[in-house]
């Protein structure tokens, strides 16, 4: 099934689907995507590890019953680098704090 960015599609089963693709620099060279699903009773948005810039299409999909959002990032940073241990701890703490703050902003903006 081929979809288009932020355009809801109703499948033969009646399931409504909307893919939100993102090609921000932080999403890598191929970008990333999230998926919104609505079976007529429950609406969910699986943000996966995408970082949508324009949340209006997701909000227009309808009020969400569940929002799955990732708060962690790539597990190799900063552990795989040859930084001093204290610097690794500081960078790791900052990464977790920033990731949680970002996840909470998305949750708040989408009505969590």
C-alpha atoms as a PDB file:
ATOM      1  CA  UNK A   1       0.000   0.000   0.000  1.00  0.00           C
ATOM      2  CA  UNK A   2       1.531   3.310  -1.033  1.00  0.00           C
ATOM      3  CA  UNK A   3       0.777   6.350   1.081  1.00  0.00           C
ATOM      4  CA  UNK A   4       1.516  10.049   0.925  1.00  0.00           C
ATOM      5  CA  UNK A   5       2.972  12.229   3.665  1.00  0.00           C
ATOM      6  CA  UNK A   6       0.294  13.370   6.141  1.00  0.00           C
ATOM      7  CA  UNK A   7      -2.638  12.254   3.963  1.00  0.00           C
ATOM      8  CA  UNK A   8      -5.010   9.866   5.749  1.00  0.00           C
ATOM      9  CA  UNK A   9      -5.850   6.710   3.855  1.00  0.00           C
ATOM     10  CA  UNK A  10      -8.712   4.306   4.625  1.00  0.00           C
ATOM     11  CA  UNK A  11      -7.833   0.656   4.039  1.00  0.00           C
ATOM     12  CA  UNK A  12     -10.328  -1.978   2.892  1.00  0.00           C
ATOM     13  CA  UNK A  13     -10.602  -3.130   6.514  1.00  0.00           C
ATOM     14  CA  UNK A  14     -11.824   0.349   7.506  1.00  0.00           C
ATOM     15  CA  UNK A  15      -8.596   1.166   9.327  1.00  0.00           C
ATOM     16  CA  UNK A  16      -7.567   4.781   8.799  1.00  0.00           C
ATOM     17  CA  UNK A  17      -3.807   5.258   8.433  1.00  0.00           C
ATOM     18  CA  UNK A  18      -1.631   8.349   8.201  1.00  0.00           C
ATOM     19  CA  UNK A  19       2.144   8.341   7.723  1.00  0.00           C
ATOM     20  CA  UNK A  20       4.084  11.404   8.817  1.00  0.00           C
ATOM     21  CA  UNK A  21       7.481  11.354   7.173  1.00  0.00           C
ATOM     22  CA  UNK A  22      10.299  13.539   8.368  1.00  0.00           C
ATOM     23  CA  UNK A  23      13.554  14.386   6.697  1.00  0.00           C
ATOM     24  CA  UNK A  24      15.108  16.658   9.291  1.00  0.00           C
ATOM     25  CA  UNK A  25      18.923  16.524   9.541  1.00  0.00           C
ATOM     26  CA  UNK A  26      18.693  14.664  12.861  1.00  0.00           C
ATOM     27  CA  UNK A  27      16.693  11.890  11.183  1.00  0.00           C
ATOM     28  CA  UNK A  28      19.597  10.860   8.990  1.00  0.00           C
ATOM     29  CA  UNK A  29      19.928  10.855   5.217  1.00  0.00           C
ATOM     30  CA  UNK A  30      16.769   8.792   4.645  1.00  0.00           C
ATOM     31  CA  UNK A  31      14.587  10.518   7.202  1.00  0.00           C
ATOM     32  CA  UNK A  32      12.165   8.803   9.514  1.00  0.00           C
ATOM     33  CA  UNK A  33       8.431   8.443   9.969  1.00  0.00           C
ATOM     34  CA  UNK A  34       5.605   7.990  12.431  1.00  0.00           C
ATOM     35  CA  UNK A  35       2.234   6.343  11.886  1.00  0.00           C
ATOM     36  CA  UNK A  36      -1.230   7.308  13.108  1.00  0.00           C
ATOM     37  CA  UNK A  37      -3.916   4.596  13.189  1.00  0.00           C
ATOM     38  CA  UNK A  38      -7.668   4.861  13.762  1.00  0.00           C
ATOM     39  CA  UNK A  39      -9.936   1.819  13.856  1.00  0.00           C
ATOM     40  CA  UNK A  40     -13.062   3.859  14.556  1.00  0.00           C
ATOM     41  CA  UNK A  41     -12.797   3.363  18.315  1.00  0.00           C
ATOM     42  CA  UNK A  42      -9.176   4.108  19.204  1.00  0.00           C
ATOM     43  CA  UNK A  43      -6.650   6.476  17.657  1.00  0.00           C
ATOM     44  CA  UNK A  44      -2.926   6.059  18.270  1.00  0.00           C
ATOM     45  CA  UNK A  45       0.182   7.767  17.011  1.00  0.00           C
ATOM     46  CA  UNK A  46       3.402   5.768  17.027  1.00  0.00           C
ATOM     47  CA  UNK A  47       5.972   8.516  16.694  1.00  0.00           C
ATOM     48  CA  UNK A  48       8.739   5.907  16.713  1.00  0.00           C
ATOM     49  CA  UNK A  49      11.965   7.908  16.784  1.00  0.00           C
ATOM     50  CA  UNK A  50      10.858  10.588  14.313  1.00  0.00           C
ATOM     51  CA  UNK A  51      10.846  14.251  15.216  1.00  0.00           C
ATOM     52  CA  UNK A  52       7.878  15.774  13.368  1.00  0.00           C
ATOM     53  CA  UNK A  53       8.181  19.483  12.754  1.00  0.00           C
ATOM     54  CA  UNK A  54       4.556  20.285  11.854  1.00  0.00           C
ATOM     55  CA  UNK A  55       2.172  18.621  14.320  1.00  0.00           C
ATOM     56  CA  UNK A  56      -1.035  20.027  12.805  1.00  0.00           C
ATOM     57  CA  UNK A  57      -1.723  17.046  10.507  1.00  0.00           C
ATOM     58  CA  UNK A  58      -1.376  14.678  13.456  1.00  0.00           C
ATOM     59  CA  UNK A  59      -3.643  16.866  15.593  1.00  0.00           C
ATOM     60  CA  UNK A  60      -6.175  17.012  12.742  1.00  0.00           C
ATOM     61  CA  UNK A  61      -6.184  13.198  12.572  1.00  0.00           C
ATOM     62  CA  UNK A  62      -8.206  13.384  15.788  1.00  0.00           C
ATOM     63  CA  UNK A  63      -7.721  13.248  19.549  1.00  0.00           C
ATOM     64  CA  UNK A  64      -5.276  10.500  20.474  1.00  0.00           C
ATOM     65  CA  UNK A  65      -5.988   7.690  22.894  1.00  0.00           C
ATOM     66  CA  UNK A  66      -2.319   6.649  22.911  1.00  0.00           C
ATOM     67  CA  UNK A  67       0.890   8.330  21.838  1.00  0.00           C
ATOM     68  CA  UNK A  68       3.985   6.143  21.610  1.00  0.00           C
ATOM     69  CA  UNK A  69       7.097   8.282  21.775  1.00  0.00           C
ATOM     70  CA  UNK A  70      10.760   7.410  22.053  1.00  0.00           C
ATOM     71  CA  UNK A  71      12.811   9.246  24.604  1.00  0.00           C
ATOM     72  CA  UNK A  72      16.167   7.579  24.125  1.00  0.00           C
ATOM     73  CA  UNK A  73      18.497   8.143  21.254  1.00  0.00           C
ATOM     74  CA  UNK A  74      21.270   6.126  19.687  1.00  0.00           C
ATOM     75  CA  UNK A  75      22.791   3.940  22.371  1.00  0.00           C
ATOM     76  CA  UNK A  76      26.339   4.312  21.078  1.00  0.00           C
ATOM     77  CA  UNK A  77      26.694   7.911  22.281  1.00  0.00           C
ATOM     78  CA  UNK A  78      28.751   8.774  24.252  1.00  0.00           C
ATOM     79  CA  UNK A  79      29.901   5.262  25.222  1.00  0.00           C
ATOM     80  CA  UNK A  80      31.637   4.460  21.947  1.00  0.00           C
ATOM     81  CA  UNK A  81      33.797   7.569  22.064  1.00  0.00           C
ATOM     82  CA  UNK A  82      37.200   7.820  23.725  1.00  0.00           C
ATOM     83  CA  UNK A  83      36.194  10.621  26.060  1.00  0.00           C
ATOM     84  CA  UNK A  84      37.282  10.647  29.691  1.00  0.00           C
ATOM     85  CA  UNK A  85      34.777   8.770  31.906  1.00  0.00           C
ATOM     86  CA  UNK A  86      33.592  11.948  33.632  1.00  0.00           C
ATOM     87  CA  UNK A  87      32.843  13.559  30.268  1.00  0.00           C
ATOM     88  CA  UNK A  88      30.968  10.432  29.114  1.00  0.00           C
ATOM     89  CA  UNK A  89      28.806  10.544  32.259  1.00  0.00           C
ATOM     90  CA  UNK A  90      28.102  14.252  31.790  1.00  0.00           C
ATOM     91  CA  UNK A  91      27.236  13.851  28.102  1.00  0.00           C
ATOM     92  CA  UNK A  92      25.097  10.770  28.792  1.00  0.00           C
ATOM     93  CA  UNK A  93      23.178  12.580  31.538  1.00  0.00           C
ATOM     94  CA  UNK A  94      22.625  15.592  29.276  1.00  0.00           C
ATOM     95  CA  UNK A  95      21.484  13.347  26.408  1.00  0.00           C
ATOM     96  CA  UNK A  96      18.917  11.574  28.622  1.00  0.00           C
ATOM     97  CA  UNK A  97      17.662  14.876  30.073  1.00  0.00           C
ATOM     98  CA  UNK A  98      17.293  16.468  26.639  1.00  0.00           C
ATOM     99  CA  UNK A  99      15.617  13.358  25.228  1.00  0.00           C
ATOM    100  CA  UNK A 100      13.051  13.273  28.023  1.00  0.00           C
ATOM    101  CA  UNK A 101      12.352  17.015  27.673  1.00  0.00           C
ATOM    102  CA  UNK A 102      11.810  16.581  23.913  1.00  0.00           C
ATOM    103  CA  UNK A 103       9.501  13.592  24.426  1.00  0.00           C
ATOM    104  CA  UNK A 104       7.454  15.535  26.994  1.00  0.00           C
ATOM    105  CA  UNK A 105       7.127  18.520  24.623  1.00  0.00           C
ATOM    106  CA  UNK A 106       5.696  16.250  21.907  1.00  0.00           C
ATOM    107  CA  UNK A 107       3.294  14.657  24.384  1.00  0.00           C
ATOM    108  CA  UNK A 108       2.093  18.059  25.608  1.00  0.00           C
ATOM    109  CA  UNK A 109       1.712  19.437  22.075  1.00  0.00           C
ATOM    110  CA  UNK A 110      -0.354  16.440  20.981  1.00  0.00           C
ATOM    111  CA  UNK A 111      -2.661  16.641  23.976  1.00  0.00           C
ATOM    112  CA  UNK A 112      -1.087  14.158  26.374  1.00  0.00           C
END
